[in-house]
Amino acid sequence: MAPLWLTVVAWLYLSVCFSCAGVIAYDIALNRRRQPMGVMNFVFPITALYFGPFALALYWHWGRATARTAMASMSMSRAAASRAAVASAGDVMQALGGQSACHEIAGAAGLDSADEPAPPGERARPWWVTMAIEVSHCGSGCTLGDVIAEFAIFWLGLTIAGVTLGAEYAGDYIFALAFGIIFQYFAIAPMRGLGLKDGLVAAAKADFISLTAFEIGLFGWMAVMAFVLFPAPHHLMPSSAAYWLLMQIGMIIGYLTSWPANVWLVNRGIKVPM
């Protein structure tokens, strides 16, 4: 059984993380800040489930998309009106001043966008930000798979050779690999224009190494949880808040151990930067 102070800290941090995930999900869904790459609409909230305020800060400063619905329609309406004005005036100015005059009108109408600043969500990112988002994409599939597997193994009472940790390792890895490949497919297939079969193969190649690196970090920490912090018969169960606080720490460790693997995969062109 976890000490009281650890349970209190766990509930506080879990509450903060769920609140951060809720803020991101609300902003994406209800503020119409949907990501250009659809899978990232899930990646950012899932990352906040273990990274909390750090994930929220990463999303808000570097990952937040421009609101595209009303702004896009307004921009299209203004562009259409401007082009209509240019078209009607072009006939007259073509005779008077030639092509240069038409360019001047186009510039005055706001059609020359070369000097327009990039939208806040599309400004150039530092390399470390690109990699932080890349690793978040890898970690979100792992996290979702780990959470589902942990609850399933707990409810079914599964063990391997009488050891629960062995079943957790097997279940976590299988589910993490499945969700990781799915998440990677919806990132890599649209960007490369791949079909289902080729997309799944490319996703498996891109995600296997980075996912394994993530799970190595997490599994190492789970061993510390099981054999050092809370050895038998005092194992923590997934029904306790303290268990999930420690698992969040393990996911952060997994995030860090998968960073070098993701850098290598991106540099080799196996993975596509988010």
C-alpha atoms as a PDB file:
ATOM      1  CA  MET A   1       0.000   0.000   0.000  1.00  0.00           C
ATOM      2  CA  ALA A   2       1.292   3.434  -0.882  1.00  0.00           C
ATOM      3  CA  PRO A   3       1.978   5.945   1.887  1.00  0.00           C
ATOM      4  CA  LEU A   4      -0.565   8.716   2.301  1.00  0.00           C
ATOM      5  CA  TRP A   5       1.755  11.483   1.089  1.00  0.00           C
ATOM      6  CA  LEU A   6       2.417   9.613  -2.162  1.00  0.00           C
ATOM      7  CA  THR A   7      -1.304   9.113  -2.740  1.00  0.00           C
ATOM      8  CA  VAL A   8      -1.963  12.818  -2.190  1.00  0.00           C
ATOM      9  CA  VAL A   9       0.832  13.822  -4.565  1.00  0.00           C
ATOM     10  CA  ALA A  10      -0.450  11.298  -7.107  1.00  0.00           C
ATOM     11  CA  TRP A  11      -3.987  12.682  -7.075  1.00  0.00           C
ATOM     12  CA  LEU A  12      -2.690  16.237  -7.369  1.00  0.00           C
ATOM     13  CA  TYR A  13      -0.439  15.480 -10.330  1.00  0.00           C
ATOM     14  CA  LEU A  14      -3.037  13.289 -12.028  1.00  0.00           C
ATOM     15  CA  SER A  15      -5.565  16.118 -11.678  1.00  0.00           C
ATOM     16  CA  VAL A  16      -3.116  18.602 -13.198  1.00  0.00           C
ATOM     17  CA  CYS A  17      -2.359  16.263 -16.105  1.00  0.00           C
ATOM     18  CA  PHE A  18      -6.014  15.553 -16.853  1.00  0.00           C
ATOM     19  CA  SER A  19      -6.733  19.282 -16.700  1.00  0.00           C
ATOM     20  CA  CYS A  20      -3.905  20.016 -19.167  1.00  0.00           C
ATOM     21  CA  ALA A  21      -5.149  17.289 -21.496  1.00  0.00           C
ATOM     22  CA  GLY A  22      -8.655  18.717 -21.226  1.00  0.00           C
ATOM     23  CA  VAL A  23      -7.465  22.222 -22.086  1.00  0.00           C
ATOM     24  CA  ILE A  24      -5.683  20.953 -25.199  1.00  0.00           C
ATOM     25  CA  ALA A  25      -8.628  18.800 -26.290  1.00  0.00           C
ATOM     26  CA  TYR A  26     -11.037  21.709 -25.742  1.00  0.00           C
ATOM     27  CA  ASP A  27      -8.841  24.062 -27.741  1.00  0.00           C
ATOM     28  CA  ILE A  28      -8.536  21.613 -30.629  1.00  0.00           C
ATOM     29  CA  ALA A  29     -12.184  20.559 -30.748  1.00  0.00           C
ATOM     30  CA  LEU A  30     -14.202  23.583 -29.658  1.00  0.00           C
ATOM     31  CA  ASN A  31     -11.852  26.416 -30.563  1.00  0.00           C
ATOM     32  CA  ARG A  32     -11.409  24.783 -33.974  1.00  0.00           C
ATOM     33  CA  ARG A  33      -7.639  24.522 -33.702  1.00  0.00           C
ATOM     34  CA  ARG A  34      -7.488  21.176 -35.473  1.00  0.00           C
ATOM     35  CA  GLN A  35      -4.058  20.008 -36.513  1.00  0.00           C
ATOM     36  CA  PRO A  36      -3.130  19.828 -40.218  1.00  0.00           C
ATOM     37  CA  MET A  37      -2.048  16.227 -39.531  1.00  0.00           C
ATOM     38  CA  GLY A  38      -5.131  14.614 -38.017  1.00  0.00           C
ATOM     39  CA  VAL A  39      -3.362  12.152 -35.711  1.00  0.00           C
ATOM     40  CA  MET A  40      -1.769  15.057 -33.821  1.00  0.00           C
ATOM     41  CA  ASN A  41      -5.233  15.990 -32.517  1.00  0.00           C
ATOM     42  CA  PHE A  42      -4.831  12.919 -30.284  1.00  0.00           C
ATOM     43  CA  VAL A  43      -1.079  13.080 -29.720  1.00  0.00           C
ATOM     44  CA  PHE A  44      -1.017  16.388 -27.838  1.00  0.00           C
ATOM     45  CA  PRO A  45      -3.762  15.525 -25.271  1.00  0.00           C
ATOM     46  CA  ILE A  46      -2.330  12.038 -24.683  1.00  0.00           C
ATOM     47  CA  THR A  47       1.148  13.488 -24.095  1.00  0.00           C
ATOM     48  CA  ALA A  48      -0.343  15.818 -21.479  1.00  0.00           C
ATOM     49  CA  LEU A  49      -1.638  12.781 -19.563  1.00  0.00           C
ATOM     50  CA  TYR A  50       1.900  12.141 -18.318  1.00  0.00           C
ATOM     51  CA  PHE A  51       3.850  15.325 -19.096  1.00  0.00           C
ATOM     52  CA  GLY A  52       1.177  17.680 -17.783  1.00  0.00           C
ATOM     53  CA  PRO A  53       2.078  21.389 -17.912  1.00  0.00           C
ATOM     54  CA  PHE A  54       5.168  20.732 -20.025  1.00  0.00           C
ATOM     55  CA  ALA A  55       3.035  19.171 -22.764  1.00  0.00           C
ATOM     56  CA  LEU A  56       0.558  22.051 -22.520  1.00  0.00           C
ATOM     57  CA  ALA A  57       3.374  24.586 -22.897  1.00  0.00           C
ATOM     58  CA  LEU A  58       4.811  22.718 -25.901  1.00  0.00           C
ATOM     59  CA  TYR A  59       1.400  22.624 -27.547  1.00  0.00           C
ATOM     60  CA  TRP A  60       0.484  26.235 -26.793  1.00  0.00           C
ATOM     61  CA  HIS A  61       3.759  27.789 -27.950  1.00  0.00           C
ATOM     62  CA  TRP A  62       4.699  25.514 -30.846  1.00  0.00           C
ATOM     63  CA  GLY A  63       1.949  23.047 -31.714  1.00  0.00           C
ATOM     64  CA  ARG A  64      -1.227  25.118 -31.650  1.00  0.00           C
ATOM     65  CA  ALA A  65      -2.795  25.350 -35.092  1.00  0.00           C
ATOM     66  CA  THR A  66      -4.328  28.483 -36.560  1.00  0.00           C
ATOM     67  CA  ALA A  67      -8.113  28.584 -36.287  1.00  0.00           C
ATOM     68  CA  ARG A  68      -9.014  27.664 -39.844  1.00  0.00           C
ATOM     69  CA  THR A  69     -12.781  27.718 -40.290  1.00  0.00           C
ATOM     70  CA  ALA A  70     -14.009  31.284 -39.981  1.00  0.00           C
ATOM     71  CA  MET A  71     -10.593  32.721 -40.797  1.00  0.00           C
ATOM     72  CA  ALA A  72     -10.274  30.591 -43.918  1.00  0.00           C
ATOM     73  CA  SER A  73     -13.710  31.554 -45.218  1.00  0.00           C
ATOM     74  CA  MET A  74     -13.089  35.234 -44.528  1.00  0.00           C
ATOM     75  CA  SER A  75      -9.725  35.070 -46.287  1.00  0.00           C
ATOM     76  CA  MET A  76     -11.260  33.320 -49.275  1.00  0.00           C
ATOM     77  CA  SER A  77     -14.029  35.926 -49.481  1.00  0.00           C
ATOM     78  CA  ARG A  78     -11.543  38.795 -49.329  1.00  0.00           C
ATOM     79  CA  ALA A  79      -9.311  37.108 -51.909  1.00  0.00           C
ATOM     80  CA  ALA A  80     -12.258  36.526 -54.242  1.00  0.00           C
ATOM     81  CA  ALA A  81     -13.381  40.130 -53.939  1.00  0.00           C
ATOM     82  CA  SER A  82      -9.841  41.377 -54.506  1.00  0.00           C
ATOM     83  CA  ARG A  83      -9.395  39.209 -57.570  1.00  0.00           C
ATOM     84  CA  ALA A  84     -12.708  40.404 -58.973  1.00  0.00           C
ATOM     85  CA  ALA A  85     -11.602  44.004 -58.508  1.00  0.00           C
ATOM     86  CA  VAL A  86      -8.274  43.309 -60.156  1.00  0.00           C
ATOM     87  CA  ALA A  87      -9.967  41.525 -63.044  1.00  0.00           C
ATOM     88  CA  SER A  88     -12.345  44.396 -63.724  1.00  0.00           C
ATOM     89  CA  ALA A  89      -9.646  47.022 -63.435  1.00  0.00           C
ATOM     90  CA  GLY A  90      -7.138  44.957 -65.349  1.00  0.00           C
ATOM     91  CA  ASP A  91      -8.820  45.454 -68.673  1.00  0.00           C
ATOM     92  CA  VAL A  92      -8.569  49.216 -68.310  1.00  0.00           C
ATOM     93  CA  MET A  93      -5.057  49.275 -66.864  1.00  0.00           C
ATOM     94  CA  GLN A  94      -3.743  46.814 -69.420  1.00  0.00           C
ATOM     95  CA  ALA A  95      -4.364  49.390 -72.105  1.00  0.00           C
ATOM     96  CA  LEU A  96      -3.027  52.287 -70.039  1.00  0.00           C
ATOM     97  CA  GLY A  97      -0.047  50.949 -68.187  1.00  0.00           C
ATOM     98  CA  GLY A  98       0.540  47.388 -69.221  1.00  0.00           C
ATOM     99  CA  GLN A  99       1.349  44.456 -66.994  1.00  0.00           C
ATOM    100  CA  SER A 100       3.236  46.458 -64.363  1.00  0.00           C
ATOM    101  CA  ALA A 101       0.116  48.441 -63.582  1.00  0.00           C
ATOM    102  CA  CYS A 102      -1.817  45.245 -63.024  1.00  0.00           C
ATOM    103  CA  HIS A 103       0.844  44.086 -60.544  1.00  0.00           C
ATOM    104  CA  GLU A 104       0.530  47.359 -58.670  1.00  0.00           C
ATOM    105  CA  ILE A 105      -3.226  46.881 -58.363  1.00  0.00           C
ATOM    106  CA  ALA A 106      -2.751  43.300 -57.200  1.00  0.00           C
ATOM    107  CA  GLY A 107      -0.335  44.476 -54.522  1.00  0.00           C
ATOM    108  CA  ALA A 108      -2.743  47.164 -53.386  1.00  0.00           C
ATOM    109  CA  ALA A 109      -5.566  44.617 -53.236  1.00  0.00           C
ATOM    110  CA  GLY A 110      -3.525  42.411 -50.881  1.00  0.00           C
ATOM    111  CA  LEU A 111      -2.873  39.562 -53.311  1.00  0.00           C
ATOM    112  CA  ASP A 112       0.891  39.801 -53.028  1.00  0.00           C
ATOM    113  CA  SER A 113       1.474  37.702 -49.913  1.00  0.00           C
ATOM    114  CA  ALA A 114       5.260  37.521 -50.071  1.00  0.00           C
ATOM    115  CA  ASP A 115       5.671  39.960 -47.201  1.00  0.00           C
ATOM    116  CA  GLU A 116       2.858  38.577 -45.033  1.00  0.00           C
ATOM    117  CA  PRO A 117       4.019  37.124 -41.695  1.00  0.00           C
ATOM    118  CA  ALA A 118       3.501  33.413 -41.150  1.00  0.00           C
ATOM    119  CA  PRO A 119       0.613  32.438 -38.861  1.00  0.00           C
ATOM    120  CA  PRO A 120       1.672  31.906 -35.223  1.00  0.00           C
ATOM    121  CA  GLY A 121       1.155  28.115 -35.417  1.00  0.00           C
ATOM    122  CA  GLU A 122       3.238  27.851 -38.594  1.00  0.00           C
ATOM    123  CA  ARG A 123       6.346  29.843 -37.677  1.00  0.00           C
ATOM    124  CA  ALA A 124       9.722  28.164 -37.948  1.00  0.00           C
ATOM    125  CA  ARG A 125      10.422  25.754 -35.111  1.00  0.00           C
ATOM    126  CA  PRO A 126      13.792  25.130 -33.484  1.00  0.00           C
ATOM    127  CA  TRP A 127      15.136  21.638 -34.073  1.00  0.00           C
ATOM    128  CA  TRP A 128      14.606  20.611 -30.461  1.00  0.00           C
ATOM    129  CA  VAL A 129      10.914  21.533 -30.724  1.00  0.00           C
ATOM    130  CA  THR A 130      10.529  19.445 -33.874  1.00  0.00           C
ATOM    131  CA  MET A 131      12.103  16.488 -32.096  1.00  0.00           C
ATOM    132  CA  ALA A 132      10.054  17.030 -28.931  1.00  0.00           C
ATOM    133  CA  ILE A 133       6.868  16.803 -31.000  1.00  0.00           C
ATOM    134  CA  GLU A 134       8.265  13.824 -32.923  1.00  0.00           C
ATOM    135  CA  VAL A 135       8.985  11.952 -29.687  1.00  0.00           C
ATOM    136  CA  SER A 136       5.541  12.932 -28.364  1.00  0.00           C
ATOM    137  CA  HIS A 137       3.996  11.260 -31.400  1.00  0.00           C
ATOM    138  CA  CYS A 138       5.934   8.066 -30.658  1.00  0.00           C
ATOM    139  CA  GLY A 139       5.178   8.240 -26.937  1.00  0.00           C
ATOM    140  CA  SER A 140       1.445   8.785 -27.347  1.00  0.00           C
ATOM    141  CA  GLY A 141       0.937   5.445 -29.101  1.00  0.00           C
ATOM    142  CA  CYS A 142       3.039   3.728 -26.445  1.00  0.00           C
ATOM    143  CA  THR A 143       1.155   5.436 -23.630  1.00  0.00           C
ATOM    144  CA  LEU A 144      -2.275   4.525 -24.972  1.00  0.00           C
ATOM    145  CA  GLY A 145      -1.226   0.905 -25.455  1.00  0.00           C
ATOM    146  CA  ASP A 146       0.375   0.702 -22.010  1.00  0.00           C
ATOM    147  CA  VAL A 147      -2.691   2.089 -20.225  1.00  0.00           C
ATOM    148  CA  ILE A 148      -5.075  -0.322 -21.957  1.00  0.00           C
ATOM    149  CA  ALA A 149      -2.767  -3.293 -21.381  1.00  0.00           C
ATOM    150  CA  GLU A 150      -2.200  -2.510 -17.705  1.00  0.00           C
ATOM    151  CA  PHE A 151      -5.919  -2.371 -16.939  1.00  0.00           C
ATOM    152  CA  ALA A 152      -6.642  -5.500 -19.007  1.00  0.00           C
ATOM    153  CA  ILE A 153      -3.923  -7.524 -17.275  1.00  0.00           C
ATOM    154  CA  PHE A 154      -5.079  -6.321 -13.851  1.00  0.00           C
ATOM    155  CA  TRP A 155      -8.743  -7.167 -14.475  1.00  0.00           C
ATOM    156  CA  LEU A 156      -7.955 -10.569 -16.018  1.00  0.00           C
ATOM    157  CA  GLY A 157      -5.346 -11.431 -13.383  1.00  0.00           C
ATOM    158  CA  LEU A 158      -2.796 -12.528 -15.978  1.00  0.00           C
ATOM    159  CA  THR A 159       0.727 -13.671 -15.077  1.00  0.00           C
ATOM    160  CA  ILE A 160       3.708 -15.311 -16.785  1.00  0.00           C
ATOM    161  CA  ALA A 161       5.373 -18.005 -14.665  1.00  0.00           C
ATOM    162  CA  GLY A 162       3.382 -16.636 -11.752  1.00  0.00           C
ATOM    163  CA  VAL A 163       4.863 -13.143 -12.163  1.00  0.00           C
ATOM    164  CA  THR A 164       2.577 -10.246 -13.000  1.00  0.00           C
ATOM    165  CA  LEU A 165       5.432  -8.089 -14.267  1.00  0.00           C
ATOM    166  CA  GLY A 166       6.163 -10.569 -17.069  1.00  0.00           C
ATOM    167  CA  ALA A 167       2.563 -10.338 -18.274  1.00  0.00           C
ATOM    168  CA  GLU A 168       2.722  -6.564 -18.055  1.00  0.00           C
ATOM    169  CA  TYR A 169       5.884  -6.481 -20.156  1.00  0.00           C
ATOM    170  CA  ALA A 170       4.354  -8.689 -22.850  1.00  0.00           C
ATOM    171  CA  GLY A 171       0.964  -6.983 -22.872  1.00  0.00           C
ATOM    172  CA  ASP A 172       2.361  -3.460 -22.745  1.00  0.00           C
ATOM    173  CA  TYR A 173       4.757  -4.097 -25.607  1.00  0.00           C
ATOM    174  CA  ILE A 174       2.175  -5.752 -27.859  1.00  0.00           C
ATOM    175  CA  PHE A 175      -0.447  -3.058 -27.311  1.00  0.00           C
ATOM    176  CA  ALA A 176       2.101  -0.251 -27.530  1.00  0.00           C
ATOM    177  CA  LEU A 177       3.428  -1.656 -30.800  1.00  0.00           C
ATOM    178  CA  ALA A 178      -0.077  -1.940 -32.242  1.00  0.00           C
ATOM    179  CA  PHE A 179      -1.098   1.605 -31.333  1.00  0.00           C
ATOM    180  CA  GLY A 180       2.327   2.967 -32.237  1.00  0.00           C
ATOM    181  CA  ILE A 181       2.079   1.556 -35.752  1.00  0.00           C
ATOM    182  CA  ILE A 182      -1.458   2.906 -36.123  1.00  0.00           C
ATOM    183  CA  PHE A 183      -0.375   6.378 -35.007  1.00  0.00           C
ATOM    184  CA  GLN A 184       2.666   6.226 -37.275  1.00  0.00           C
ATOM    185  CA  TYR A 185       0.566   5.048 -40.232  1.00  0.00           C
ATOM    186  CA  PHE A 186      -1.722   8.071 -40.021  1.00  0.00           C
ATOM    187  CA  ALA A 187       1.353  10.309 -39.997  1.00  0.00           C
ATOM    188  CA  ILE A 188       3.581   8.704 -42.590  1.00  0.00           C
ATOM    189  CA  ALA A 189       1.058   7.383 -45.146  1.00  0.00           C
ATOM    190  CA  PRO A 190      -0.600  10.745 -45.948  1.00  0.00           C
ATOM    191  CA  MET A 191       2.749  12.552 -46.134  1.00  0.00           C
ATOM    192  CA  ARG A 192       4.218   9.989 -48.546  1.00  0.00           C
ATOM    193  CA  GLY A 193       1.014   9.167 -50.394  1.00  0.00           C
ATOM    194  CA  LEU A 194       1.174   5.452 -49.476  1.00  0.00           C
ATOM    195  CA  GLY A 195      -1.581   2.877 -49.656  1.00  0.00           C
ATOM    196  CA  LEU A 196      -2.688   0.706 -46.747  1.00  0.00           C
ATOM    197  CA  LYS A 197      -0.134  -2.109 -47.140  1.00  0.00           C
ATOM    198  CA  ASP A 198       2.856   0.081 -47.981  1.00  0.00           C
ATOM    199  CA  GLY A 199       1.829   2.568 -45.304  1.00  0.00           C
ATOM    200  CA  LEU A 200       1.680  -0.097 -42.598  1.00  0.00           C
ATOM    201  CA  VAL A 201       5.061  -1.492 -43.630  1.00  0.00           C
ATOM    202  CA  ALA A 202       6.620   1.984 -43.563  1.00  0.00           C
ATOM    203  CA  ALA A 203       4.959   2.709 -40.215  1.00  0.00           C
ATOM    204  CA  ALA A 204       6.303  -0.512 -38.699  1.00  0.00           C
ATOM    205  CA  LYS A 205       9.825   0.251 -39.923  1.00  0.00           C
ATOM    206  CA  ALA A 206       9.642   3.798 -38.586  1.00  0.00           C
ATOM    207  CA  ASP A 207       8.100   2.961 -35.220  1.00  0.00           C
ATOM    208  CA  PHE A 208       9.690  -0.326 -34.151  1.00  0.00           C
ATOM    209  CA  ILE A 209      13.033   1.117 -33.028  1.00  0.00           C
ATOM    210  CA  SER A 210      11.681   4.266 -31.381  1.00  0.00           C
ATOM    211  CA  LEU A 211       8.867   2.364 -29.656  1.00  0.00           C
ATOM    212  CA  THR A 212      11.268  -0.269 -28.357  1.00  0.00           C
ATOM    213  CA  ALA A 213      13.516   2.477 -26.979  1.00  0.00           C
ATOM    214  CA  PHE A 214      10.502   4.021 -25.219  1.00  0.00           C
ATOM    215  CA  GLU A 215       9.468   0.700 -23.695  1.00  0.00           C
ATOM    216  CA  ILE A 216      13.019  -0.056 -22.524  1.00  0.00           C
ATOM    217  CA  GLY A 217      12.976   3.094 -20.429  1.00  0.00           C
ATOM    218  CA  LEU A 218       9.488   2.382 -19.103  1.00  0.00           C
ATOM    219  CA  PHE A 219      10.169  -1.299 -18.386  1.00  0.00           C
ATOM    220  CA  GLY A 220      13.359  -0.490 -16.509  1.00  0.00           C
ATOM    221  CA  TRP A 221      11.406   1.840 -14.254  1.00  0.00           C
ATOM    222  CA  MET A 222       8.621  -0.730 -13.805  1.00  0.00           C
ATOM    223  CA  ALA A 223      11.252  -3.186 -12.556  1.00  0.00           C
ATOM    224  CA  VAL A 224      12.388  -0.599 -10.012  1.00  0.00           C
ATOM    225  CA  MET A 225       8.750  -0.165  -8.956  1.00  0.00           C
ATOM    226  CA  ALA A 226       8.226  -3.924  -8.555  1.00  0.00           C
ATOM    227  CA  PHE A 227      11.512  -4.968  -6.943  1.00  0.00           C
ATOM    228  CA  VAL A 228      12.851  -1.874  -5.170  1.00  0.00           C
ATOM    229  CA  LEU A 229      10.138   0.647  -4.305  1.00  0.00           C
ATOM    230  CA  PHE A 230       7.214  -1.703  -3.636  1.00  0.00           C
ATOM    231  CA  PRO A 231       8.411  -5.343  -3.575  1.00  0.00           C
ATOM    232  CA  ALA A 232       6.049  -8.223  -2.812  1.00  0.00           C
ATOM    233  CA  PRO A 233       3.756  -8.428  -0.954  1.00  0.00           C
ATOM    234  CA  HIS A 234       3.352  -4.662  -1.159  1.00  0.00           C
ATOM    235  CA  HIS A 235       2.980  -4.266  -4.919  1.00  0.00           C
ATOM    236  CA  LEU A 236       0.967  -1.299  -6.073  1.00  0.00           C
ATOM    237  CA  MET A 237      -2.047  -2.051  -8.227  1.00  0.00           C
ATOM    238  CA  PRO A 238      -3.385  -0.146 -11.267  1.00  0.00           C
ATOM    239  CA  SER A 239      -6.429   0.664  -9.153  1.00  0.00           C
ATOM    240  CA  SER A 240      -4.338   3.091  -7.062  1.00  0.00           C
ATOM    241  CA  ALA A 241      -3.432   6.683  -7.923  1.00  0.00           C
ATOM    242  CA  ALA A 242       0.141   6.144  -6.688  1.00  0.00           C
ATOM    243  CA  TYR A 243       0.644   3.376  -9.257  1.00  0.00           C
ATOM    244  CA  TRP A 244      -0.240   5.728 -12.098  1.00  0.00           C
ATOM    245  CA  LEU A 245       1.926   8.512 -10.755  1.00  0.00           C
ATOM    246  CA  LEU A 246       4.881   6.131 -10.885  1.00  0.00           C
ATOM    247  CA  MET A 247       3.831   4.966 -14.343  1.00  0.00           C
ATOM    248  CA  GLN A 248       3.786   8.605 -15.464  1.00  0.00           C
ATOM    249  CA  ILE A 249       7.371   8.882 -14.277  1.00  0.00           C
ATOM    250  CA  GLY A 250       8.165   5.738 -16.269  1.00  0.00           C
ATOM    251  CA  MET A 251       6.566   7.238 -19.376  1.00  0.00           C
ATOM    252  CA  ILE A 252       8.667  10.377 -18.989  1.00  0.00           C
ATOM    253  CA  ILE A 253      11.759   8.154 -18.719  1.00  0.00           C
ATOM    254  CA  GLY A 254      10.605   6.289 -21.835  1.00  0.00           C
ATOM    255  CA  TYR A 255      10.188   9.599 -23.621  1.00  0.00           C
ATOM    256  CA  LEU A 256      13.796  10.466 -22.822  1.00  0.00           C
ATOM    257  CA  THR A 257      15.209   7.074 -23.812  1.00  0.00           C
ATOM    258  CA  SER A 258      13.375   7.195 -27.158  1.00  0.00           C
ATOM    259  CA  TRP A 259      14.682  10.678 -28.030  1.00  0.00           C
ATOM    260  CA  PRO A 260      18.066   9.498 -29.467  1.00  0.00           C
ATOM    261  CA  ALA A 261      16.323   6.769 -31.468  1.00  0.00           C
ATOM    262  CA  ASN A 262      13.913   9.293 -32.980  1.00  0.00           C
ATOM    263  CA  VAL A 263      16.772  11.647 -33.870  1.00  0.00           C
ATOM    264  CA  TRP A 264      18.578   8.792 -35.625  1.00  0.00           C
ATOM    265  CA  LEU A 265      15.439   7.720 -37.508  1.00  0.00           C
ATOM    266  CA  VAL A 266      14.680  11.266 -38.657  1.00  0.00           C
ATOM    267  CA  ASN A 267      18.269  11.874 -39.754  1.00  0.00           C
ATOM    268  CA  ARG A 268      18.201   8.640 -41.761  1.00  0.00           C
ATOM    269  CA  GLY A 269      14.918   9.625 -43.412  1.00  0.00           C
ATOM    270  CA  ILE A 270      13.088   6.623 -41.963  1.00  0.00           C
ATOM    271  CA  LYS A 271      10.731   8.832 -39.973  1.00  0.00           C
ATOM    272  CA  VAL A 272       9.162  12.077 -41.193  1.00  0.00           C
ATOM    273  CA  PRO A 273       9.402  15.070 -38.821  1.00  0.00           C
ATOM    274  CA  MET A 274       6.013  16.108 -37.477  1.00  0.00           C
END
